[in-house]
Structure formats: structure tokens, C-alpha cells
């Protein structure tokens, strides 16, 4: 058993960069333990991940705001507070805030993450046309 007691004194929120577009902040909830990583992620309006996949899948739990999640070859799906997303192992996808509202979610990533290319502006804006 391992108990993680909240945020350690002096811990800083991490600004994410190389695998995200826009301003994204992350707070570790559970450092990688037995191949599981849990982070609380805050996306400013318009911010999003690059395309990526997870070795053993990913669970997203939206806590505030609104945003989008999209699996390759599918239409983007709107996200609202309380939504829970299961992304199967190896499925290429992206997620992030809507263009006019921030979004926060808890991300539970299983196994390693393979990062890919940025989401094109056209693909991102297409989500807002639905």
C-alpha cells in the first residue's frame, strides 16, 4: 500500500509544453507507481494535447469547464464536468479545452505514453462546428 498525502510543501504546479499546444498546467496526484500515473490537468481556453496513445489505456475524469476528446478517425466528443472517458490501450487520441472555456480533468495514464504530432488547427476548430 502507498498513501500519497496531498501536495508536498513547496511543490510547484508544472507548466506543460512540448507535447501540448496552448497553456497547460499539471499537478501530480500520484507519481508514476507500478506503471500508473495520475495528474490533475488544467487547460486554458484553446489548449490541448498533441496526438498520443497509452500503452495500457487512459481514464479522464472532467472536473470543471468544457472541452473535447477525439480518437483518430472519429468525430470529436464534447466533455463536461462529471464526464468520465475510457481510452483503450494504443488508441491514438487528443483532448483539451474548448476555444472559449477552460477545462480541468484528472488523467489516469496506464503504462507508457507515446506522444505524436500536434493536432492541426483545422482539426481542432472542426470540433467547434458540431
N, C-alpha and C. Protein backbone atom coordinates (compact mmCIF):
# COMPACT_ATOMS: atom_id res chain seq x y z
N UNK A 1 0.84 -1.18 0.00
CA UNK A 1 0.00 0.00 0.00
C UNK A 1 0.89 1.24 0.00
N UNK A 2 0.41 2.27 -0.68
CA UNK A 2 1.12 3.54 -0.70
C UNK A 2 0.08 4.64 -0.55
N UNK A 3 0.31 5.52 0.40
CA UNK A 3 -0.58 6.67 0.60
C UNK A 3 0.19 7.91 0.21
N UNK A 4 -0.40 8.71 -0.66
CA UNK A 4 0.19 9.98 -1.07
C UNK A 4 -0.64 11.07 -0.40
N UNK A 5 -0.02 11.86 0.45
CA UNK A 5 -0.72 12.87 1.24
C UNK A 5 -0.67 14.23 0.56
N UNK A 6 -1.58 14.45 -0.36
CA UNK A 6 -1.73 15.77 -0.97
C UNK A 6 -0.44 16.33 -1.54
N UNK A 7 -0.44 17.61 -1.69
CA UNK A 7 0.67 18.32 -2.30
C UNK A 7 1.76 18.59 -1.26
N UNK A 8 2.99 18.17 -1.55
CA UNK A 8 4.09 18.45 -0.61
C UNK A 8 4.34 19.96 -0.49
N UNK A 9 4.78 20.39 0.68
CA UNK A 9 5.14 21.80 0.87
C UNK A 9 6.15 22.22 -0.17
N UNK A 10 5.92 23.38 -0.76
CA UNK A 10 6.87 23.93 -1.73
C UNK A 10 6.73 23.37 -3.13
N UNK A 11 5.84 22.40 -3.34
CA UNK A 11 5.67 21.83 -4.69
C UNK A 11 5.04 22.87 -5.60
N UNK A 12 5.56 22.96 -6.80
CA UNK A 12 5.08 23.94 -7.78
C UNK A 12 4.20 23.26 -8.82
N UNK A 13 3.17 23.96 -9.26
CA UNK A 13 2.38 23.49 -10.40
C UNK A 13 3.30 23.54 -11.61
N UNK A 14 3.23 22.48 -12.45
CA UNK A 14 4.12 22.36 -13.60
C UNK A 14 3.43 22.89 -14.85
N UNK A 15 4.09 23.81 -15.57
CA UNK A 15 3.58 24.23 -16.86
C UNK A 15 4.07 23.22 -17.89
N UNK A 16 3.14 22.64 -18.63
CA UNK A 16 3.49 21.65 -19.65
C UNK A 16 3.75 22.37 -20.96
N UNK A 17 4.57 21.76 -21.83
CA UNK A 17 4.90 22.47 -23.05
C UNK A 17 5.05 21.64 -24.29
N UNK A 18 6.07 20.80 -24.36
CA UNK A 18 6.49 20.16 -25.61
C UNK A 18 5.43 19.27 -26.24
N UNK A 19 4.50 18.74 -25.48
CA UNK A 19 3.51 17.81 -26.03
C UNK A 19 2.09 18.39 -25.94
N UNK A 20 2.01 19.71 -25.77
CA UNK A 20 0.73 20.41 -25.67
C UNK A 20 0.79 21.68 -26.51
N UNK A 21 -0.37 22.14 -26.96
CA UNK A 21 -0.50 23.45 -27.58
C UNK A 21 -1.32 24.32 -26.66
N UNK A 22 -0.92 25.56 -26.49
CA UNK A 22 -1.58 26.45 -25.55
C UNK A 22 -0.96 26.30 -24.17
N UNK A 23 -1.57 26.97 -23.20
CA UNK A 23 -1.05 26.93 -21.83
C UNK A 23 -1.76 25.84 -21.04
N UNK A 24 -0.97 24.92 -20.51
CA UNK A 24 -1.49 23.78 -19.77
C UNK A 24 -0.69 23.64 -18.48
N UNK A 25 -1.41 23.45 -17.37
CA UNK A 25 -0.78 23.30 -16.06
C UNK A 25 -1.11 21.92 -15.51
N UNK A 26 -0.18 21.33 -14.76
CA UNK A 26 -0.39 19.99 -14.20
C UNK A 26 0.11 19.93 -12.76
N UNK A 27 -0.67 19.24 -11.95
CA UNK A 27 -0.27 18.93 -10.58
C UNK A 27 -0.25 17.41 -10.44
N UNK A 28 0.90 16.86 -10.05
CA UNK A 28 0.94 15.42 -9.84
C UNK A 28 0.04 15.02 -8.67
N UNK A 29 -0.74 13.97 -8.87
CA UNK A 29 -1.56 13.40 -7.81
C UNK A 29 -0.87 12.15 -7.27
N UNK A 30 -0.43 11.29 -8.21
CA UNK A 30 0.32 10.09 -7.86
C UNK A 30 1.48 9.98 -8.84
N UNK A 31 2.73 10.14 -8.36
CA UNK A 31 3.86 9.95 -9.26
C UNK A 31 3.82 8.53 -9.82
N UNK A 32 4.42 8.32 -10.95
CA UNK A 32 4.37 7.00 -11.60
C UNK A 32 4.71 5.91 -10.59
N UNK A 33 3.74 5.01 -10.40
CA UNK A 33 3.84 3.90 -9.46
C UNK A 33 3.30 2.66 -10.14
N UNK A 34 4.13 1.65 -10.30
CA UNK A 34 3.71 0.41 -10.96
C UNK A 34 3.07 0.67 -12.32
N UNK A 35 3.60 1.64 -13.05
CA UNK A 35 3.11 1.93 -14.40
C UNK A 35 1.85 2.78 -14.46
N UNK A 36 1.42 3.33 -13.32
CA UNK A 36 0.23 4.19 -13.28
C UNK A 36 0.66 5.59 -12.87
N UNK A 37 0.21 6.60 -13.63
CA UNK A 37 0.48 8.00 -13.30
C UNK A 37 -0.84 8.73 -13.23
N UNK A 38 -1.03 9.55 -12.18
CA UNK A 38 -2.25 10.33 -12.05
C UNK A 38 -1.85 11.80 -11.91
N UNK A 39 -2.45 12.63 -12.77
CA UNK A 39 -2.21 14.08 -12.74
C UNK A 39 -3.54 14.82 -12.81
N UNK A 40 -3.58 15.98 -12.17
CA UNK A 40 -4.68 16.91 -12.34
C UNK A 40 -4.21 17.93 -13.37
N UNK A 41 -4.94 18.05 -14.48
CA UNK A 41 -4.50 18.88 -15.60
C UNK A 41 -5.49 20.02 -15.81
N UNK A 42 -4.96 21.24 -16.02
CA UNK A 42 -5.78 22.42 -16.29
C UNK A 42 -5.40 22.97 -17.65
N UNK A 43 -6.37 23.01 -18.56
CA UNK A 43 -6.18 23.55 -19.91
C UNK A 43 -6.82 24.93 -19.99
N UNK A 44 -6.07 25.94 -20.42
CA UNK A 44 -6.67 27.24 -20.68
C UNK A 44 -7.49 27.14 -21.97
N UNK A 45 -8.40 28.10 -22.23
CA UNK A 45 -9.20 28.01 -23.46
C UNK A 45 -8.31 27.81 -24.70
N UNK A 46 -8.69 26.84 -25.52
CA UNK A 46 -7.96 26.53 -26.75
C UNK A 46 -6.77 25.61 -26.58
N UNK A 47 -6.37 25.33 -25.35
CA UNK A 47 -5.20 24.46 -25.12
C UNK A 47 -5.60 23.00 -25.28
N UNK A 48 -4.64 22.19 -25.72
CA UNK A 48 -4.93 20.78 -25.96
C UNK A 48 -3.64 19.97 -26.01
N UNK A 49 -3.79 18.66 -25.89
CA UNK A 49 -2.65 17.76 -26.03
C UNK A 49 -2.31 17.61 -27.50
N UNK A 50 -1.14 17.05 -27.77
CA UNK A 50 -0.84 16.54 -29.10
C UNK A 50 -1.53 15.19 -29.22
N UNK A 51 -1.55 14.64 -30.42
CA UNK A 51 -2.00 13.26 -30.60
C UNK A 51 -1.09 12.37 -29.75
N UNK A 52 -1.66 11.37 -29.12
CA UNK A 52 -0.85 10.46 -28.31
C UNK A 52 -1.62 9.17 -28.05
N UNK A 53 -0.92 8.19 -27.49
CA UNK A 53 -1.56 6.92 -27.10
C UNK A 53 -0.90 6.41 -25.83
N UNK A 54 -1.62 5.54 -25.14
CA UNK A 54 -1.14 4.98 -23.87
C UNK A 54 -1.05 3.47 -23.99
N UNK A 55 0.03 2.95 -23.49
CA UNK A 55 0.31 1.52 -23.57
C UNK A 55 -0.84 0.66 -23.03
N UNK A 56 -1.41 1.07 -21.89
CA UNK A 56 -2.46 0.26 -21.27
C UNK A 56 -3.76 1.06 -21.09
N UNK A 57 -3.88 2.17 -21.78
CA UNK A 57 -5.10 2.97 -21.75
C UNK A 57 -5.01 4.19 -20.85
N UNK A 58 -6.10 4.96 -20.84
CA UNK A 58 -6.16 6.17 -20.03
C UNK A 58 -7.61 6.42 -19.61
N UNK A 59 -7.76 6.94 -18.39
CA UNK A 59 -9.06 7.36 -17.87
C UNK A 59 -8.98 8.86 -17.62
N UNK A 60 -9.97 9.59 -18.11
CA UNK A 60 -10.08 11.03 -17.88
C UNK A 60 -11.37 11.29 -17.10
N UNK A 61 -11.28 12.09 -16.04
CA UNK A 61 -12.46 12.50 -15.29
C UNK A 61 -12.51 14.02 -15.29
N UNK A 62 -13.48 14.58 -16.01
CA UNK A 62 -13.59 16.03 -16.15
C UNK A 62 -14.15 16.61 -14.85
N UNK A 63 -13.45 17.62 -14.33
CA UNK A 63 -13.86 18.21 -13.05
C UNK A 63 -14.46 19.60 -13.19
N UNK A 64 -14.10 20.34 -14.24
CA UNK A 64 -14.66 21.68 -14.43
C UNK A 64 -14.46 22.12 -15.87
N UNK A 65 -15.31 23.04 -16.31
CA UNK A 65 -15.17 23.62 -17.63
C UNK A 65 -15.78 22.77 -18.72
N UNK A 66 -15.33 23.01 -19.95
CA UNK A 66 -15.79 22.20 -21.08
C UNK A 66 -14.65 22.01 -22.06
N UNK A 67 -14.72 20.91 -22.80
CA UNK A 67 -13.64 20.62 -23.73
C UNK A 67 -14.03 19.54 -24.71
N UNK A 68 -13.00 18.91 -25.26
CA UNK A 68 -13.16 17.92 -26.33
C UNK A 68 -12.21 16.76 -26.12
N UNK A 69 -12.62 15.59 -26.59
CA UNK A 69 -11.75 14.44 -26.71
C UNK A 69 -12.02 13.86 -28.09
N UNK A 70 -10.97 13.39 -28.75
CA UNK A 70 -11.14 12.87 -30.10
C UNK A 70 -10.19 11.70 -30.33
N UNK A 71 -10.75 10.57 -30.78
CA UNK A 71 -9.95 9.43 -31.20
C UNK A 71 -9.76 9.51 -32.71
N UNK A 72 -8.63 9.06 -33.16
CA UNK A 72 -8.31 9.11 -34.59
C UNK A 72 -9.41 8.44 -35.41
N UNK A 73 -9.84 9.14 -36.47
CA UNK A 73 -10.86 8.61 -37.37
C UNK A 73 -12.29 8.80 -36.89
N UNK A 74 -12.47 9.44 -35.73
CA UNK A 74 -13.80 9.67 -35.18
C UNK A 74 -14.05 11.16 -35.01
N UNK A 75 -15.30 11.53 -34.85
CA UNK A 75 -15.66 12.93 -34.60
C UNK A 75 -15.31 13.29 -33.15
N UNK A 76 -14.85 14.51 -32.90
CA UNK A 76 -14.60 14.94 -31.53
C UNK A 76 -15.87 14.87 -30.69
N UNK A 77 -15.71 14.56 -29.41
CA UNK A 77 -16.83 14.45 -28.48
C UNK A 77 -16.70 15.53 -27.41
N UNK A 78 -17.81 16.22 -27.14
CA UNK A 78 -17.84 17.28 -26.13
C UNK A 78 -17.66 16.68 -24.74
N UNK A 79 -16.92 17.38 -23.87
CA UNK A 79 -16.73 16.97 -22.48
C UNK A 79 -17.27 18.05 -21.55
N UNK A 80 -17.93 17.61 -20.47
CA UNK A 80 -18.49 18.48 -19.45
C UNK A 80 -18.12 17.93 -18.07
N UNK A 81 -18.25 18.74 -17.01
CA UNK A 81 -17.95 18.24 -15.67
C UNK A 81 -18.75 16.98 -15.35
N UNK A 82 -18.07 16.02 -14.74
CA UNK A 82 -18.67 14.76 -14.37
C UNK A 82 -18.47 13.66 -15.41
N UNK A 83 -18.09 14.03 -16.64
CA UNK A 83 -17.85 13.02 -17.68
C UNK A 83 -16.60 12.21 -17.34
N UNK A 84 -16.65 10.93 -17.63
CA UNK A 84 -15.51 10.03 -17.48
C UNK A 84 -15.28 9.38 -18.83
N UNK A 85 -14.03 9.39 -19.27
CA UNK A 85 -13.66 8.84 -20.58
C UNK A 85 -12.70 7.67 -20.36
N UNK A 86 -12.95 6.57 -21.04
CA UNK A 86 -12.00 5.45 -21.10
C UNK A 86 -11.43 5.43 -22.51
N UNK A 87 -10.12 5.58 -22.60
CA UNK A 87 -9.41 5.47 -23.88
C UNK A 87 -8.68 4.13 -23.86
N UNK A 88 -9.05 3.20 -24.76
CA UNK A 88 -8.44 1.87 -24.75
C UNK A 88 -6.94 1.90 -25.05
N UNK A 89 -6.24 0.85 -24.67
CA UNK A 89 -4.79 0.76 -24.93
C UNK A 89 -4.48 0.99 -26.42
N UNK A 90 -3.47 1.83 -26.66
CA UNK A 90 -2.97 2.06 -28.01
C UNK A 90 -3.82 2.95 -28.89
N UNK A 91 -4.96 3.44 -28.41
CA UNK A 91 -5.83 4.29 -29.24
C UNK A 91 -5.26 5.70 -29.34
N UNK A 92 -5.02 6.16 -30.57
CA UNK A 92 -4.47 7.49 -30.81
C UNK A 92 -5.58 8.51 -30.60
N UNK A 93 -5.30 9.52 -29.76
CA UNK A 93 -6.33 10.48 -29.39
C UNK A 93 -5.72 11.80 -28.95
N UNK A 94 -6.58 12.80 -28.77
CA UNK A 94 -6.19 14.08 -28.16
C UNK A 94 -7.34 14.56 -27.28
N UNK A 95 -7.05 15.48 -26.37
CA UNK A 95 -8.09 16.08 -25.53
C UNK A 95 -7.64 17.45 -25.09
N UNK A 96 -8.61 18.32 -24.80
CA UNK A 96 -8.27 19.67 -24.36
C UNK A 96 -9.51 20.53 -24.17
N UNK A 97 -9.28 21.79 -23.85
CA UNK A 97 -10.36 22.74 -23.57
C UNK A 97 -11.05 23.19 -24.85
N UNK A 98 -12.27 23.68 -24.69
CA UNK A 98 -12.95 24.31 -25.81
C UNK A 98 -12.27 25.67 -26.06
N UNK A 99 -12.62 26.30 -27.17
CA UNK A 99 -11.94 27.55 -27.53
C UNK A 99 -12.33 28.72 -26.63
N UNK A 100 -13.47 28.61 -25.95
CA UNK A 100 -13.95 29.74 -25.15
C UNK A 100 -14.08 29.44 -23.66
N UNK A 101 -13.58 28.28 -23.22
CA UNK A 101 -13.73 27.90 -21.82
C UNK A 101 -12.57 27.00 -21.40
N UNK A 102 -12.05 27.23 -20.23
CA UNK A 102 -11.00 26.36 -19.69
C UNK A 102 -11.62 25.00 -19.33
N UNK A 103 -10.77 24.01 -19.13
CA UNK A 103 -11.23 22.69 -18.69
C UNK A 103 -10.16 22.08 -17.79
N UNK A 104 -10.61 21.38 -16.76
CA UNK A 104 -9.70 20.61 -15.92
C UNK A 104 -10.19 19.18 -15.86
N UNK A 105 -9.23 18.26 -15.81
CA UNK A 105 -9.58 16.86 -15.63
C UNK A 105 -8.48 16.15 -14.86
N UNK A 106 -8.85 15.03 -14.27
CA UNK A 106 -7.88 14.13 -13.67
C UNK A 106 -7.57 13.10 -14.75
N UNK A 107 -6.28 12.90 -15.01
CA UNK A 107 -5.84 11.94 -16.03
C UNK A 107 -5.13 10.78 -15.33
N UNK A 108 -5.64 9.59 -15.55
CA UNK A 108 -5.02 8.37 -15.03
C UNK A 108 -4.46 7.64 -16.22
N UNK A 109 -3.14 7.66 -16.35
CA UNK A 109 -2.46 7.08 -17.50
C UNK A 109 -1.84 5.75 -17.10
N UNK A 110 -2.11 4.73 -17.91
CA UNK A 110 -1.68 3.37 -17.60
C UNK A 110 -0.58 2.95 -18.56
N UNK A 111 0.59 2.66 -18.01
CA UNK A 111 1.73 2.31 -18.86
C UNK A 111 2.37 3.56 -19.44
N UNK A 112 3.20 3.35 -20.45
CA UNK A 112 3.92 4.48 -21.05
C UNK A 112 3.02 5.24 -22.01
N UNK A 113 3.38 6.51 -22.24
CA UNK A 113 2.68 7.36 -23.19
C UNK A 113 3.57 7.60 -24.39
N UNK A 114 3.01 7.42 -25.57
CA UNK A 114 3.73 7.69 -26.82
C UNK A 114 3.14 8.96 -27.42
N UNK A 115 3.93 10.03 -27.44
CA UNK A 115 3.49 11.31 -27.97
C UNK A 115 3.72 11.37 -29.47
N UNK A 116 2.82 12.07 -30.15
CA UNK A 116 2.87 12.17 -31.61
C UNK A 116 2.80 13.65 -32.00
N UNK A 117 2.23 13.93 -33.15
CA UNK A 117 2.21 15.27 -33.74
C UNK A 117 1.14 16.16 -33.10
N UNK A 118 1.30 17.47 -33.26
CA UNK A 118 0.26 18.38 -32.78
C UNK A 118 -1.05 18.15 -33.54
N UNK A 119 -2.16 18.50 -32.90
CA UNK A 119 -3.47 18.50 -33.55
C UNK A 119 -3.52 19.74 -34.44
N UNK A 120 -3.87 19.57 -35.71
CA UNK A 120 -3.92 20.73 -36.61
C UNK A 120 -4.99 21.71 -36.15
N UNK A 121 -4.80 22.96 -36.46
CA UNK A 121 -5.78 23.98 -36.11
C UNK A 121 -7.12 23.67 -36.78
N UNK A 122 -7.08 23.18 -38.02
CA UNK A 122 -8.32 22.82 -38.73
C UNK A 122 -9.06 21.70 -38.01
N UNK A 123 -8.35 20.66 -37.57
CA UNK A 123 -8.99 19.55 -36.85
C UNK A 123 -9.57 20.04 -35.52
N UNK A 124 -8.84 20.91 -34.83
CA UNK A 124 -9.33 21.42 -33.56
C UNK A 124 -10.58 22.28 -33.77
N UNK A 125 -10.53 23.18 -34.74
CA UNK A 125 -11.68 24.06 -34.98
C UNK A 125 -12.90 23.30 -35.49
N UNK A 126 -12.66 22.19 -36.20
CA UNK A 126 -13.78 21.37 -36.68
C UNK A 126 -14.63 20.86 -35.53
N UNK A 127 -14.01 20.64 -34.38
CA UNK A 127 -14.76 20.17 -33.21
C UNK A 127 -15.83 21.19 -32.83
N UNK A 128 -15.54 22.46 -33.03
CA UNK A 128 -16.46 23.53 -32.62
C UNK A 128 -17.59 23.75 -33.62
N UNK A 129 -17.54 23.07 -34.76
CA UNK A 129 -18.59 23.22 -35.78
C UNK A 129 -19.73 22.23 -35.58
N UNK A 130 -19.59 21.35 -34.62
CA UNK A 130 -20.61 20.32 -34.41
C UNK A 130 -21.80 20.87 -33.67
